[in-house]
C-alpha cells in the first residue's frame, strides 16, 4: 500500500533496503493491477480481502482490468 505508486515501484527495483525482501530476488518487478482509495482503512480491508483469494481469482481480476483498458 502506498500513496505514490511510481516511487514504490522504484524502491522495489532499487538495491536499497526499502523494497520488500520477498521481491529482492524477483527483479525487475512491474505493476499489473492497482486500485485507488481515498480512505486508508478501506484500502487495507480490500488488500486483505484480495490476499486471501486463490491465485486463479487474482489472475482473473487482473485479466478483467486489462480487458477494461482496451
N, C-alpha and C. Protein backbone atom coordinates (compact mmCIF):
# COMPACT_ATOMS: atom_id res chain seq x y z
N UNK A 1 0.85 -1.16 0.00
CA UNK A 1 0.00 0.00 0.00
C UNK A 1 0.90 1.22 0.00
N UNK A 2 0.53 2.20 -0.82
CA UNK A 2 1.37 3.39 -0.94
C UNK A 2 0.54 4.57 -1.43
N UNK A 3 1.03 5.76 -1.18
CA UNK A 3 0.41 6.96 -1.72
C UNK A 3 1.03 7.33 -3.06
N UNK A 4 2.25 6.86 -3.32
CA UNK A 4 2.95 7.19 -4.55
C UNK A 4 3.43 5.90 -5.21
N UNK A 5 2.67 5.43 -6.18
CA UNK A 5 2.94 4.16 -6.83
C UNK A 5 4.26 4.16 -7.59
N UNK A 6 4.57 5.25 -8.24
CA UNK A 6 5.81 5.35 -9.02
C UNK A 6 7.03 5.21 -8.11
N UNK A 7 7.03 5.92 -6.98
CA UNK A 7 8.16 5.83 -6.06
C UNK A 7 8.27 4.44 -5.46
N UNK A 8 7.14 3.82 -5.14
CA UNK A 8 7.17 2.48 -4.55
C UNK A 8 7.76 1.47 -5.53
N UNK A 9 7.41 1.60 -6.79
CA UNK A 9 7.96 0.70 -7.80
C UNK A 9 9.48 0.88 -7.91
N UNK A 10 9.93 2.13 -7.86
CA UNK A 10 11.37 2.40 -7.89
C UNK A 10 12.07 1.77 -6.68
N UNK A 11 11.44 1.86 -5.50
CA UNK A 11 12.02 1.27 -4.30
C UNK A 11 12.17 -0.24 -4.46
N UNK A 12 11.16 -0.89 -5.00
CA UNK A 12 11.22 -2.34 -5.18
C UNK A 12 12.30 -2.76 -6.18
N UNK A 13 12.53 -1.94 -7.18
CA UNK A 13 13.50 -2.29 -8.22
C UNK A 13 14.92 -1.78 -7.91
N UNK A 14 15.06 -1.01 -6.84
CA UNK A 14 16.39 -0.50 -6.48
C UNK A 14 17.14 -1.53 -5.64
N UNK A 15 18.38 -1.23 -5.34
CA UNK A 15 19.19 -2.11 -4.50
C UNK A 15 19.13 -1.71 -3.03
N UNK A 16 18.27 -0.74 -2.71
CA UNK A 16 18.15 -0.26 -1.32
C UNK A 16 17.40 -1.24 -0.43
N UNK A 17 17.21 -0.84 0.81
CA UNK A 17 16.56 -1.67 1.81
C UNK A 17 15.05 -1.40 1.92
N UNK A 18 14.51 -0.43 1.17
CA UNK A 18 13.11 -0.06 1.33
C UNK A 18 12.16 -1.02 0.63
N UNK A 19 12.61 -1.71 -0.39
CA UNK A 19 11.75 -2.66 -1.09
C UNK A 19 11.52 -3.91 -0.26
N UNK A 20 10.44 -4.60 -0.53
CA UNK A 20 10.11 -5.81 0.22
C UNK A 20 11.17 -6.90 0.00
N UNK A 21 11.55 -7.59 1.06
CA UNK A 21 12.55 -8.66 0.97
C UNK A 21 12.11 -9.73 -0.03
N UNK A 22 10.83 -10.04 -0.02
CA UNK A 22 10.28 -11.08 -0.90
C UNK A 22 10.57 -10.78 -2.37
N UNK A 23 10.57 -9.50 -2.74
CA UNK A 23 10.74 -9.13 -4.14
C UNK A 23 12.19 -8.91 -4.56
N UNK A 24 13.12 -8.93 -3.63
CA UNK A 24 14.52 -8.63 -3.97
C UNK A 24 15.10 -9.60 -4.98
N UNK A 25 14.69 -10.84 -4.95
CA UNK A 25 15.21 -11.83 -5.90
C UNK A 25 14.36 -11.97 -7.15
N UNK A 26 13.36 -11.13 -7.31
CA UNK A 26 12.42 -11.25 -8.43
C UNK A 26 12.42 -10.00 -9.31
N UNK A 27 13.55 -9.32 -9.39
CA UNK A 27 13.62 -8.08 -10.16
C UNK A 27 13.79 -8.35 -11.64
N UNK A 28 13.35 -7.46 -12.48
CA UNK A 28 12.57 -6.27 -12.17
C UNK A 28 11.10 -6.61 -11.94
N UNK A 29 10.47 -5.87 -11.06
CA UNK A 29 9.04 -6.05 -10.83
C UNK A 29 8.28 -5.00 -11.63
N UNK A 30 7.03 -5.30 -11.92
CA UNK A 30 6.17 -4.33 -12.62
C UNK A 30 4.79 -4.37 -11.97
N UNK A 31 4.04 -3.33 -12.19
CA UNK A 31 2.69 -3.23 -11.63
C UNK A 31 1.71 -3.75 -12.67
N UNK A 32 0.92 -4.73 -12.29
CA UNK A 32 -0.06 -5.29 -13.22
C UNK A 32 -1.49 -4.92 -12.83
N UNK A 33 -1.68 -4.44 -11.60
CA UNK A 33 -3.02 -4.09 -11.15
C UNK A 33 -2.92 -3.18 -9.93
N UNK A 34 -3.82 -2.20 -9.85
CA UNK A 34 -3.91 -1.37 -8.65
C UNK A 34 -5.31 -0.79 -8.54
N UNK A 35 -5.68 -0.40 -7.35
CA UNK A 35 -6.94 0.27 -7.07
C UNK A 35 -6.63 1.50 -6.24
N UNK A 36 -7.42 2.55 -6.43
CA UNK A 36 -7.26 3.78 -5.65
C UNK A 36 -8.36 3.89 -4.61
N UNK A 37 -7.98 4.30 -3.40
CA UNK A 37 -8.92 4.53 -2.32
C UNK A 37 -8.55 5.83 -1.62
N UNK A 38 -9.55 6.62 -1.24
CA UNK A 38 -9.26 7.85 -0.52
C UNK A 38 -9.16 7.57 0.98
N UNK A 39 -9.71 6.45 1.42
CA UNK A 39 -9.71 6.07 2.83
C UNK A 39 -8.75 4.91 3.05
N UNK A 40 -7.75 5.08 3.91
CA UNK A 40 -6.74 4.05 4.11
C UNK A 40 -7.33 2.77 4.71
N UNK A 41 -8.34 2.91 5.56
CA UNK A 41 -8.95 1.73 6.16
C UNK A 41 -9.62 0.86 5.09
N UNK A 42 -10.31 1.49 4.16
CA UNK A 42 -10.95 0.76 3.06
C UNK A 42 -9.89 0.09 2.19
N UNK A 43 -8.78 0.77 1.96
CA UNK A 43 -7.70 0.20 1.15
C UNK A 43 -7.09 -1.02 1.84
N UNK A 44 -6.89 -0.93 3.14
CA UNK A 44 -6.32 -2.05 3.89
C UNK A 44 -7.27 -3.25 3.90
N UNK A 45 -8.55 -2.98 4.07
CA UNK A 45 -9.54 -4.07 4.04
C UNK A 45 -9.57 -4.75 2.69
N UNK A 46 -9.51 -3.96 1.63
CA UNK A 46 -9.51 -4.53 0.27
C UNK A 46 -8.26 -5.36 0.04
N UNK A 47 -7.11 -4.86 0.48
CA UNK A 47 -5.86 -5.60 0.32
C UNK A 47 -5.94 -6.96 1.04
N UNK A 48 -6.44 -6.97 2.25
CA UNK A 48 -6.58 -8.22 3.00
C UNK A 48 -7.54 -9.18 2.28
N UNK A 49 -8.62 -8.62 1.75
CA UNK A 49 -9.60 -9.44 1.03
C UNK A 49 -8.96 -10.13 -0.17
N UNK A 50 -8.26 -9.36 -0.98
CA UNK A 50 -7.66 -9.90 -2.20
C UNK A 50 -6.53 -10.89 -1.87
N UNK A 51 -5.76 -10.62 -0.83
CA UNK A 51 -4.67 -11.52 -0.46
C UNK A 51 -5.18 -12.90 -0.07
N UNK A 52 -6.39 -13.00 0.41
CA UNK A 52 -6.97 -14.28 0.82
C UNK A 52 -7.50 -15.09 -0.37
N UNK A 53 -7.65 -14.45 -1.50
CA UNK A 53 -8.18 -15.14 -2.68
C UNK A 53 -7.18 -16.16 -3.22
N UNK A 54 -7.69 -17.20 -3.89
CA UNK A 54 -6.77 -18.12 -4.59
C UNK A 54 -6.12 -17.41 -5.78
N UNK A 55 -5.00 -17.93 -6.22
CA UNK A 55 -4.24 -17.33 -7.31
C UNK A 55 -5.09 -17.15 -8.57
N UNK A 56 -5.92 -18.13 -8.90
CA UNK A 56 -6.74 -18.06 -10.11
C UNK A 56 -7.70 -16.87 -10.07
N UNK A 57 -8.25 -16.60 -8.91
CA UNK A 57 -9.19 -15.47 -8.79
C UNK A 57 -8.45 -14.13 -8.93
N UNK A 58 -7.25 -14.05 -8.39
CA UNK A 58 -6.44 -12.84 -8.53
C UNK A 58 -6.07 -12.62 -10.00
N UNK A 59 -5.71 -13.70 -10.69
CA UNK A 59 -5.37 -13.59 -12.11
C UNK A 59 -6.59 -13.16 -12.92
N UNK A 60 -7.77 -13.63 -12.57
CA UNK A 60 -8.99 -13.23 -13.27
C UNK A 60 -9.26 -11.74 -13.06
N UNK A 61 -8.99 -11.24 -11.87
CA UNK A 61 -9.15 -9.81 -11.58
C UNK A 61 -8.23 -8.98 -12.46
N UNK A 62 -6.99 -9.42 -12.60
CA UNK A 62 -6.01 -8.71 -13.43
C UNK A 62 -6.44 -8.74 -14.89
N UNK A 63 -6.86 -9.89 -15.38
CA UNK A 63 -7.30 -10.01 -16.77
C UNK A 63 -8.51 -9.14 -17.06
N UNK A 64 -9.44 -9.10 -16.13
CA UNK A 64 -10.63 -8.26 -16.31
C UNK A 64 -10.25 -6.79 -16.41
N UNK A 65 -9.30 -6.36 -15.59
CA UNK A 65 -8.84 -4.97 -15.61
C UNK A 65 -8.15 -4.66 -16.94
N UNK A 66 -7.36 -5.61 -17.43
CA UNK A 66 -6.68 -5.42 -18.72
C UNK A 66 -7.68 -5.30 -19.85
N UNK A 67 -8.75 -6.09 -19.80
CA UNK A 67 -9.77 -6.05 -20.85
C UNK A 67 -10.53 -4.71 -20.82
N UNK A 68 -10.73 -4.14 -19.63
CA UNK A 68 -11.39 -2.84 -19.50
C UNK A 68 -10.58 -1.74 -20.15
N UNK A 69 -9.24 -1.85 -20.04
CA UNK A 69 -8.35 -0.83 -20.59
C UNK A 69 -8.40 -0.77 -22.10
N UNK A 70 -8.70 -1.89 -22.75
CA UNK A 70 -8.69 -1.95 -24.21
C UNK A 70 -9.91 -1.35 -24.83
